[in-house]
Amino acid sequence: MAFDYNKLRGRIVEIFNTQSNFASAMGWSERILSLKMNGMCSWKQIDICKAIQLLKLTIEDIPIVCTRVGHYRIRAYERRVNESRSTNCLNLYKQ
């Protein structure tokens, strides 16, 4: 599945002026950021959490994308996502 990172690119430039500055803040090379932004390399959960903090976003700003529900029930999935959102990202990068 291809993701549209145009809003993310805009926010990066708004906060960091350049994608290069954002890559440095994430601890990445420009190449790694380019790979992630072009869908050639996936974002890890910890990367998403760090980016949320650096870009001054909230968890609610991140859309939930479910490409295959399969055997999962939507409500159970949403409950797990909400639980993980409230615990995983909020405290990882407090300084």
PDB file of N, CA and C in Angstrom:
ATOM      1  N   MET A   1       0.839  -1.178   0.000  1.00  0.00           N
ATOM      2  CA  MET A   1       0.000   0.000   0.000  1.00  0.00           C
ATOM      3  C   MET A   1       0.884   1.241   0.000  1.00  0.00           C
ATOM      4  N   ALA A   2       0.617   2.166  -0.880  1.00  0.00           N
ATOM      5  CA  ALA A   2       1.360   3.417  -0.955  1.00  0.00           C
ATOM      6  C   ALA A   2       0.707   4.443  -0.034  1.00  0.00           C
ATOM      7  N   PHE A   3       1.512   5.142   0.710  1.00  0.00           N
ATOM      8  CA  PHE A   3       1.022   6.179   1.605  1.00  0.00           C
ATOM      9  C   PHE A   3       1.345   7.547   1.023  1.00  0.00           C
ATOM     10  N   ASP A   4       0.489   8.506   1.291  1.00  0.00           N
ATOM     11  CA  ASP A   4       0.700   9.878   0.847  1.00  0.00           C
ATOM     12  C   ASP A   4       1.309  10.660   2.011  1.00  0.00           C
ATOM     13  N   TYR A   5       2.557  11.046   1.872  1.00  0.00           N
ATOM     14  CA  TYR A   5       3.268  11.741   2.938  1.00  0.00           C
ATOM     15  C   TYR A   5       3.334  13.252   2.714  1.00  0.00           C
ATOM     16  N   ASN A   6       2.467  13.808   1.856  1.00  0.00           N
ATOM     17  CA  ASN A   6       2.523  15.233   1.579  1.00  0.00           C
ATOM     18  C   ASN A   6       2.283  16.092   2.818  1.00  0.00           C
ATOM     19  N   LYS A   7       1.302  15.734   3.650  1.00  0.00           N
ATOM     20  CA  LYS A   7       1.053  16.500   4.876  1.00  0.00           C
ATOM     21  C   LYS A   7       2.247  16.397   5.816  1.00  0.00           C
ATOM     22  N   LEU A   8       2.830  15.218   5.894  1.00  0.00           N
ATOM     23  CA  LEU A   8       4.003  15.028   6.742  1.00  0.00           C
ATOM     24  C   LEU A   8       5.167  15.876   6.243  1.00  0.00           C
ATOM     25  N   ARG A   9       5.385  15.883   4.938  1.00  0.00           N
ATOM     26  CA  ARG A   9       6.452  16.717   4.369  1.00  0.00           C
ATOM     27  C   ARG A   9       6.236  18.181   4.720  1.00  0.00           C
ATOM     28  N   GLY A  10       4.999  18.632   4.606  1.00  0.00           N
ATOM     29  CA  GLY A  10       4.677  20.020   4.939  1.00  0.00           C
ATOM     30  C   GLY A  10       4.958  20.343   6.388  1.00  0.00           C
ATOM     31  N   ARG A  11       4.589  19.431   7.281  1.00  0.00           N
ATOM     32  CA  ARG A  11       4.821  19.652   8.719  1.00  0.00           C
ATOM     33  C   ARG A  11       6.310  19.652   9.031  1.00  0.00           C
ATOM     34  N   ILE A  12       7.061  18.776   8.379  1.00  0.00           N
ATOM     35  CA  ILE A  12       8.511  18.731   8.586  1.00  0.00           C
ATOM     36  C   ILE A  12       9.132  20.065   8.212  1.00  0.00           C
ATOM     37  N   VAL A  13       8.760  20.609   7.067  1.00  0.00           N
ATOM     38  CA  VAL A  13       9.317  21.892   6.624  1.00  0.00           C
ATOM     39  C   VAL A  13       8.836  23.024   7.531  1.00  0.00           C
ATOM     40  N   GLU A  14       7.589  22.943   7.980  1.00  0.00           N
ATOM     41  CA  GLU A  14       7.044  23.961   8.886  1.00  0.00           C
ATOM     42  C   GLU A  14       7.829  24.025  10.197  1.00  0.00           C
ATOM     43  N   ILE A  15       8.167  22.886  10.745  1.00  0.00           N
ATOM     44  CA  ILE A  15       8.841  22.834  12.047  1.00  0.00           C
ATOM     45  C   ILE A  15      10.365  22.887  11.915  1.00  0.00           C
ATOM     46  N   PHE A  16      10.933  22.173  10.949  1.00  0.00           N
ATOM     47  CA  PHE A  16      12.385  22.025  10.853  1.00  0.00           C
ATOM     48  C   PHE A  16      13.028  22.769   9.682  1.00  0.00           C
ATOM     49  N   ASN A  17      12.232  23.423   8.860  1.00  0.00           N
ATOM     50  CA  ASN A  17      12.700  24.165   7.681  1.00  0.00           C
ATOM     51  C   ASN A  17      13.182  23.275   6.544  1.00  0.00           C
ATOM     52  N   THR A  18      13.841  22.178   6.843  1.00  0.00           N
ATOM     53  CA  THR A  18      14.297  21.259   5.797  1.00  0.00           C
ATOM     54  C   THR A  18      14.118  19.821   6.257  1.00  0.00           C
ATOM     55  N   GLN A  19      14.005  18.920   5.302  1.00  0.00           N
ATOM     56  CA  GLN A  19      13.935  17.500   5.633  1.00  0.00           C
ATOM     57  C   GLN A  19      15.261  17.022   6.217  1.00  0.00           C
ATOM     58  N   SER A  20      16.350  17.647   5.806  1.00  0.00           N
ATOM     59  CA  SER A  20      17.659  17.295   6.338  1.00  0.00           C
ATOM     60  C   SER A  20      17.737  17.559   7.843  1.00  0.00           C
ATOM     61  N   ASN A  21      17.206  18.692   8.280  1.00  0.00           N
ATOM     62  CA  ASN A  21      17.191  19.009   9.717  1.00  0.00           C
ATOM     63  C   ASN A  21      16.350  18.005  10.496  1.00  0.00           C
ATOM     64  N   PHE A  22      15.218  17.622   9.915  1.00  0.00           N
ATOM     65  CA  PHE A  22      14.368  16.628  10.567  1.00  0.00           C
ATOM     66  C   PHE A  22      15.072  15.281  10.659  1.00  0.00           C
ATOM     67  N   ALA A  23      15.730  14.879   9.578  1.00  0.00           N
ATOM     68  CA  ALA A  23      16.468  13.606   9.589  1.00  0.00           C
ATOM     69  C   ALA A  23      17.508  13.610  10.704  1.00  0.00           C
ATOM     70  N   SER A  24      18.222  14.702  10.850  1.00  0.00           N
ATOM     71  CA  SER A  24      19.228  14.810  11.919  1.00  0.00           C
ATOM     72  C   SER A  24      18.586  14.688  13.294  1.00  0.00           C
ATOM     73  N   ALA A  25      17.444  15.360  13.475  1.00  0.00           N
ATOM     74  CA  ALA A  25      16.753  15.301  14.766  1.00  0.00           C
ATOM     75  C   ALA A  25      16.270  13.886  15.079  1.00  0.00           C
ATOM     76  N   MET A  26      15.938  13.141  14.049  1.00  0.00           N
ATOM     77  CA  MET A  26      15.500  11.749  14.226  1.00  0.00           C
ATOM     78  C   MET A  26      16.684  10.811  14.431  1.00  0.00           C
ATOM     79  N   GLY A  27      17.902  11.300  14.159  1.00  0.00           N
ATOM     80  CA  GLY A  27      19.078  10.437  14.267  1.00  0.00           C
ATOM     81  C   GLY A  27      19.304   9.610  13.019  1.00  0.00           C
ATOM     82  N   TRP A  28      18.783  10.086  11.885  1.00  0.00           N
ATOM     83  CA  TRP A  28      18.873   9.388  10.622  1.00  0.00           C
ATOM     84  C   TRP A  28      19.737  10.152   9.635  1.00  0.00           C
ATOM     85  N   SER A  29      20.162   9.460   8.614  1.00  0.00           N
ATOM     86  CA  SER A  29      20.778  10.127   7.471  1.00  0.00           C
ATOM     87  C   SER A  29      19.648  10.637   6.568  1.00  0.00           C
ATOM     88  N   GLU A  30      19.983  11.526   5.657  1.00  0.00           N
ATOM     89  CA  GLU A  30      18.992  11.992   4.690  1.00  0.00           C
ATOM     90  C   GLU A  30      18.496  10.835   3.831  1.00  0.00           C
ATOM     91  N   ARG A  31      19.367   9.891   3.573  1.00  0.00           N
ATOM     92  CA  ARG A  31      19.010   8.720   2.753  1.00  0.00           C
ATOM     93  C   ARG A  31      17.914   7.893   3.421  1.00  0.00           C
ATOM     94  N   ILE A  32      18.047   7.652   4.717  1.00  0.00           N
ATOM     95  CA  ILE A  32      17.037   6.875   5.443  1.00  0.00           C
ATOM     96  C   ILE A  32      15.697   7.596   5.400  1.00  0.00           C
ATOM     97  N   LEU A  33      15.701   8.906   5.646  1.00  0.00           N
ATOM     98  CA  LEU A  33      14.443   9.659   5.590  1.00  0.00           C
ATOM     99  C   LEU A  33      13.834   9.567   4.194  1.00  0.00           C
ATOM    100  N   SER A  34      14.653   9.710   3.185  1.00  0.00           N
ATOM    101  CA  SER A  34      14.164   9.610   1.806  1.00  0.00           C
ATOM    102  C   SER A  34      13.529   8.251   1.547  1.00  0.00           C
ATOM    103  N   LEU A  35      14.167   7.193   1.998  1.00  0.00           N
ATOM    104  CA  LEU A  35      13.613   5.847   1.818  1.00  0.00           C
ATOM    105  C   LEU A  35      12.256   5.714   2.509  1.00  0.00           C
ATOM    106  N   LYS A  36      12.142   6.246   3.723  1.00  0.00           N
ATOM    107  CA  LYS A  36      10.886   6.158   4.463  1.00  0.00           C
ATOM    108  C   LYS A  36       9.795   6.994   3.794  1.00  0.00           C
ATOM    109  N   MET A  37      10.138   8.195   3.364  1.00  0.00           N
ATOM    110  CA  MET A  37       9.154   9.096   2.765  1.00  0.00           C
ATOM    111  C   MET A  37       8.709   8.624   1.377  1.00  0.00           C
ATOM    112  N   ASN A  38       9.507   7.797   0.746  1.00  0.00           N
ATOM    113  CA  ASN A  38       9.153   7.273  -0.572  1.00  0.00           C
ATOM    114  C   ASN A  38       8.646   5.839  -0.523  1.00  0.00           C
ATOM    115  N   GLY A  39       8.366   5.338   0.681  1.00  0.00           N
ATOM    116  CA  GLY A  39       7.769   4.024   0.840  1.00  0.00           C
ATOM    117  C   GLY A  39       8.696   2.854   0.582  1.00  0.00           C
ATOM    118  N   MET A  40       9.986   3.110   0.547  1.00  0.00           N
ATOM    119  CA  MET A  40      10.952   2.044   0.296  1.00  0.00           C
ATOM    120  C   MET A  40      11.421   1.382   1.591  1.00  0.00           C
ATOM    121  N   CYS A  41      11.141   2.008   2.701  1.00  0.00           N
ATOM    122  CA  CYS A  41      11.542   1.516   4.018  1.00  0.00           C
ATOM    123  C   CYS A  41      10.405   1.871   4.970  1.00  0.00           C
ATOM    124  N   SER A  42       9.987   0.936   5.789  1.00  0.00           N
ATOM    125  CA  SER A  42       8.840   1.201   6.660  1.00  0.00           C
ATOM    126  C   SER A  42       9.230   1.975   7.913  1.00  0.00           C
ATOM    127  N   TRP A  43       8.237   2.627   8.468  1.00  0.00           N
ATOM    128  CA  TRP A  43       8.396   3.361   9.725  1.00  0.00           C
ATOM    129  C   TRP A  43       8.185   2.380  10.874  1.00  0.00           C
ATOM    130  N   LYS A  44       9.083   2.375  11.827  1.00  0.00           N
ATOM    131  CA  LYS A  44       8.916   1.564  13.029  1.00  0.00           C
ATOM    132  C   LYS A  44       8.062   2.351  14.022  1.00  0.00           C
ATOM    133  N   GLN A  45       7.416   1.641  14.913  1.00  0.00           N
ATOM    134  CA  GLN A  45       6.570   2.291  15.914  1.00  0.00           C
ATOM    135  C   GLN A  45       7.350   3.341  16.703  1.00  0.00           C
ATOM    136  N   ILE A  46       8.552   3.021  17.095  1.00  0.00           N
ATOM    137  CA  ILE A  46       9.349   3.968  17.881  1.00  0.00           C
ATOM    138  C   ILE A  46       9.703   5.208  17.061  1.00  0.00           C
ATOM    139  N   ASP A  47       9.890   5.047  15.742  1.00  0.00           N
ATOM    140  CA  ASP A  47      10.146   6.192  14.863  1.00  0.00           C
ATOM    141  C   ASP A  47       8.920   7.097  14.808  1.00  0.00           C
ATOM    142  N   ILE A  48       7.755   6.493  14.693  1.00  0.00           N
ATOM    143  CA  ILE A  48       6.515   7.263  14.652  1.00  0.00           C
ATOM    144  C   ILE A  48       6.337   8.043  15.941  1.00  0.00           C
ATOM    145  N   CYS A  49       6.584   7.410  17.061  1.00  0.00           N
ATOM    146  CA  CYS A  49       6.442   8.081  18.356  1.00  0.00           C
ATOM    147  C   CYS A  49       7.402   9.254  18.485  1.00  0.00           C
ATOM    148  N   LYS A  50       8.632   9.073  18.059  1.00  0.00           N
ATOM    149  CA  LYS A  50       9.612  10.154  18.132  1.00  0.00           C
ATOM    150  C   LYS A  50       9.231  11.300  17.196  1.00  0.00           C
ATOM    151  N   ALA A  51       8.783  10.971  15.993  1.00  0.00           N
ATOM    152  CA  ALA A  51       8.371  11.994  15.030  1.00  0.00           C
ATOM    153  C   ALA A  51       7.177  12.785  15.554  1.00  0.00           C
ATOM    154  N   ILE A  52       6.240  12.107  16.211  1.00  0.00           N
ATOM    155  CA  ILE A  52       5.084  12.794  16.800  1.00  0.00           C
ATOM    156  C   ILE A  52       5.558  13.872  17.759  1.00  0.00           C
ATOM    157  N   GLN A  53       6.499  13.519  18.601  1.00  0.00           N
ATOM    158  CA  GLN A  53       6.994  14.495  19.570  1.00  0.00           C
ATOM    159  C   GLN A  53       7.752  15.624  18.880  1.00  0.00           C
ATOM    160  N   LEU A  54       8.669  15.284  17.994  1.00  0.00           N
ATOM    161  CA  LEU A  54       9.478  16.302  17.339  1.00  0.00           C
ATOM    162  C   LEU A  54       8.645  17.257  16.491  1.00  0.00           C
ATOM    163  N   LEU A  55       7.595  16.749  15.885  1.00  0.00           N
ATOM    164  CA  LEU A  55       6.753  17.574  15.016  1.00  0.00           C
ATOM    165  C   LEU A  55       5.594  18.226  15.762  1.00  0.00           C
ATOM    166  N   LYS A  56       5.596  18.061  17.092  1.00  0.00           N
ATOM    167  CA  LYS A  56       4.588  18.682  17.959  1.00  0.00           C
ATOM    168  C   LYS A  56       3.171  18.300  17.541  1.00  0.00           C
ATOM    169  N   LEU A  57       3.002  17.018  17.297  1.00  0.00           N
ATOM    170  CA  LEU A  57       1.712  16.473  16.925  1.00  0.00           C
ATOM    171  C   LEU A  57       1.101  15.769  18.132  1.00  0.00           C
ATOM    172  N   THR A  58      -0.141  15.381  17.989  1.00  0.00           N
ATOM    173  CA  THR A  58      -0.770  14.537  18.993  1.00  0.00           C
ATOM    174  C   THR A  58      -1.015  13.174  18.355  1.00  0.00           C
ATOM    175  N   ILE A  59      -1.300  12.211  19.169  1.00  0.00           N
ATOM    176  CA  ILE A  59      -1.586  10.864  18.672  1.00  0.00           C
ATOM    177  C   ILE A  59      -2.776  10.899  17.719  1.00  0.00           C
ATOM    178  N   GLU A  60      -3.733  11.769  18.002  1.00  0.00           N
ATOM    179  CA  GLU A  60      -4.938  11.845  17.179  1.00  0.00           C
ATOM    180  C   GLU A  60      -4.642  12.364  15.768  1.00  0.00           C
ATOM    181  N   ASP A  61      -3.501  13.009  15.567  1.00  0.00           N
ATOM    182  CA  ASP A  61      -3.127  13.497  14.243  1.00  0.00           C
ATOM    183  C   ASP A  61      -2.692  12.372  13.306  1.00  0.00           C
ATOM    184  N   ILE A  62      -2.421  11.211  13.843  1.00  0.00           N
ATOM    185  CA  ILE A  62      -1.942  10.088  13.043  1.00  0.00           C
ATOM    186  C   ILE A  62      -3.123   9.218  12.652  1.00  0.00           C
ATOM    187  N   PRO A  63      -3.398   9.087  11.354  1.00  0.00           N
ATOM    188  CA  PRO A  63      -4.546   8.276  10.942  1.00  0.00           C
ATOM    189  C   PRO A  63      -4.295   6.784  11.172  1.00  0.00           C
ATOM    190  N   ILE A  64      -5.356   6.078  11.450  1.00  0.00           N
ATOM    191  CA  ILE A  64      -5.273   4.627  11.577  1.00  0.00           C
ATOM    192  C   ILE A  64      -5.567   4.051  10.202  1.00  0.00           C
ATOM    193  N   VAL A  65      -4.642   3.269   9.695  1.00  0.00           N
ATOM    194  CA  VAL A  65      -4.830   2.647   8.394  1.00  0.00           C
ATOM    195  C   VAL A  65      -4.891   1.144   8.603  1.00  0.00           C
ATOM    196  N   CYS A  66      -5.987   0.568   8.215  1.00  0.00           N
ATOM    197  CA  CYS A  66      -6.166  -0.873   8.341  1.00  0.00           C
ATOM    198  C   CYS A  66      -6.327  -1.434   6.939  1.00  0.00           C
ATOM    199  N   THR A  67      -5.297  -2.099   6.447  1.00  0.00           N
ATOM    200  CA  THR A  67      -5.348  -2.605   5.079  1.00  0.00           C
ATOM    201  C   THR A  67      -6.054  -3.951   4.991  1.00  0.00           C
ATOM    202  N   ARG A  68      -6.037  -4.701   6.080  1.00  0.00           N
ATOM    203  CA  ARG A  68      -6.704  -6.005   6.062  1.00  0.00           C
ATOM    204  C   ARG A  68      -7.237  -6.306   7.447  1.00  0.00           C
ATOM    205  N   VAL A  69      -8.516  -6.382   7.576  1.00  0.00           N
ATOM    206  CA  VAL A  69      -9.114  -6.668   8.868  1.00  0.00           C
ATOM    207  C   VAL A  69      -9.040  -8.153   9.154  1.00  0.00           C
ATOM    208  N   GLY A  70      -9.244  -8.968   8.138  1.00  0.00           N
ATOM    209  CA  GLY A  70      -9.141 -10.410   8.313  1.00  0.00           C
ATOM    210  C   GLY A  70     -10.022 -10.929   9.413  1.00  0.00           C
ATOM    211  N   HIS A  71      -9.416 -11.618  10.361  1.00  0.00           N
ATOM    212  CA  HIS A  71     -10.160 -12.252  11.439  1.00  0.00           C
ATOM    213  C   HIS A  71     -10.375 -11.332  12.631  1.00  0.00           C
ATOM    214  N   TYR A  72      -9.840 -10.141  12.542  1.00  0.00           N
ATOM    215  CA  TYR A  72      -9.955  -9.229  13.673  1.00  0.00           C
ATOM    216  C   TYR A  72     -11.304  -8.522  13.669  1.00  0.00           C
ATOM    217  N   ARG A  73     -11.787  -8.274  14.814  1.00  0.00           N
ATOM    218  CA  ARG A  73     -12.985  -7.463  14.941  1.00  0.00           C
ATOM    219  C   ARG A  73     -12.543  -6.009  15.063  1.00  0.00           C
ATOM    220  N   ILE A  74     -13.249  -5.137  14.398  1.00  0.00           N
ATOM    221  CA  ILE A  74     -12.875  -3.729  14.384  1.00  0.00           C
ATOM    222  C   ILE A  74     -12.832  -3.154  15.798  1.00  0.00           C
ATOM    223  N   ARG A  75     -13.808  -3.445  16.604  1.00  0.00           N
ATOM    224  CA  ARG A  75     -13.835  -2.877  17.958  1.00  0.00           C
ATOM    225  C   ARG A  75     -12.633  -3.334  18.786  1.00  0.00           C
ATOM    226  N   ALA A  76     -12.284  -4.575  18.684  1.00  0.00           N
ATOM    227  CA  ALA A  76     -11.122  -5.082  19.419  1.00  0.00           C
ATOM    228  C   ALA A  76      -9.859  -4.405  18.911  1.00  0.00           C
ATOM    229  N   TYR A  77      -9.778  -4.241  17.604  1.00  0.00           N
ATOM    230  CA  TYR A  77      -8.625  -3.560  17.008  1.00  0.00           C
ATOM    231  C   TYR A  77      -8.530  -2.121  17.513  1.00  0.00           C
ATOM    232  N   GLU A  78      -9.658  -1.408  17.488  1.00  0.00           N
ATOM    233  CA  GLU A  78      -9.662  -0.025  17.950  1.00  0.00           C
ATOM    234  C   GLU A  78      -9.274   0.065  19.423  1.00  0.00           C
ATOM    235  N   ARG A  79      -9.759  -0.880  20.229  1.00  0.00           N
ATOM    236  CA  ARG A  79      -9.431  -0.869  21.649  1.00  0.00           C
ATOM    237  C   ARG A  79      -7.925  -1.047  21.853  1.00  0.00           C
ATOM    238  N   ARG A  80      -7.332  -1.995  21.125  1.00  0.00           N
ATOM    239  CA  ARG A  80      -5.895  -2.216  21.237  1.00  0.00           C
ATOM    240  C   ARG A  80      -5.116  -0.981  20.785  1.00  0.00           C
ATOM    241  N   VAL A  81      -5.561  -0.367  19.694  1.00  0.00           N
ATOM    242  CA  VAL A  81      -4.881   0.819  19.193  1.00  0.00           C
ATOM    243  C   VAL A  81      -4.967   1.936  20.208  1.00  0.00           C
ATOM    244  N   ASN A  82      -6.142   2.168  20.759  1.00  0.00           N
ATOM    245  CA  ASN A  82      -6.296   3.238  21.748  1.00  0.00           C
ATOM    246  C   ASN A  82      -5.462   2.974  22.986  1.00  0.00           C
ATOM    247  N   GLU A  83      -5.417   1.735  23.430  1.00  0.00           N
ATOM    248  CA  GLU A  83      -4.592   1.401  24.591  1.00  0.00           C
ATOM    249  C   GLU A  83      -3.123   1.622  24.290  1.00  0.00           C
ATOM    250  N   SER A  84      -2.671   1.187  23.129  1.00  0.00           N
ATOM    251  CA  SER A  84      -1.260   1.349  22.796  1.00  0.00           C
ATOM    252  C   SER A  84      -0.923   2.803  22.555  1.00  0.00           C
ATOM    253  N   ARG A  85      -1.839   3.556  21.989  1.00  0.00           N
ATOM    254  CA  ARG A  85      -1.591   4.981  21.775  1.00  0.00           C
ATOM    255  C   ARG A  85      -1.416   5.704  23.106  1.00  0.00           C
ATOM    256  N   SER A  86      -2.209   5.333  24.091  1.00  0.00           N
ATOM    257  CA  SER A  86      -2.128   6.049  25.355  1.00  0.00           C
ATOM    258  C   SER A  86      -0.897   5.663  26.158  1.00  0.00           C
ATOM    259  N   THR A  87      -0.315   4.510  25.901  1.00  0.00           N
ATOM    260  CA  THR A  87       0.843   4.088  26.692  1.00  0.00           C
ATOM    261  C   THR A  87       2.155   4.139  25.935  1.00  0.00           C
ATOM    262  N   ASN A  88       2.168   3.719  24.672  1.00  0.00           N
ATOM    263  CA  ASN A  88       3.437   3.572  23.961  1.00  0.00           C
ATOM    264  C   ASN A  88       4.109   4.885  23.593  1.00  0.00           C
ATOM    265  N   CYS A  89       3.377   5.809  23.049  1.00  0.00           N
ATOM    266  CA  CYS A  89       4.006   7.001  22.492  1.00  0.00           C
ATOM    267  C   CYS A  89       4.164   8.133  23.485  1.00  0.00           C
ATOM    268  N   LEU A  90       3.256   8.259  24.395  1.00  0.00           N
ATOM    269  CA  LEU A  90       3.241   9.459  25.212  1.00  0.00           C
ATOM    270  C   LEU A  90       4.449   9.616  26.115  1.00  0.00           C
ATOM    271  N   ASN A  91       5.007   8.543  26.593  1.00  0.00           N
ATOM    272  CA  ASN A  91       6.095   8.651  27.555  1.00  0.00           C
ATOM    273  C   ASN A  91       7.460   8.278  27.018  1.00  0.00           C
ATOM    274  N   LEU A  92       7.564   7.910  25.751  1.00  0.00           N
ATOM    275  CA  LEU A  92       8.832   7.437  25.228  1.00  0.00           C
ATOM    276  C   LEU A  92       9.905   8.507  25.151  1.00  0.00           C
ATOM    277  N   TYR A  93       9.522   9.700  24.768  1.00  0.00           N
ATOM    278  CA  TYR A  93      10.535  10.710  24.493  1.00  0.00           C
ATOM    279  C   TYR A  93      10.399  11.948  25.338  1.00  0.00           C
ATOM    280  N   LYS A  94       9.818  11.834  26.521  1.00  0.00           N
ATOM    281  CA  LYS A  94       9.783  12.983  27.412  1.00  0.00           C
ATOM    282  C   LYS A  94      11.197  13.305  27.846  1.00  0.00           C
ATOM    283  N   GLN A  95      11.518  14.576  27.809  1.00  0.00           N
ATOM    284  CA  GLN A  95      12.879  14.968  28.169  1.00  0.00           C
ATOM    285  C   GLN A  95      12.879  15.894  29.364  1.00  0.00           C
TER     286      GLN A  95
END
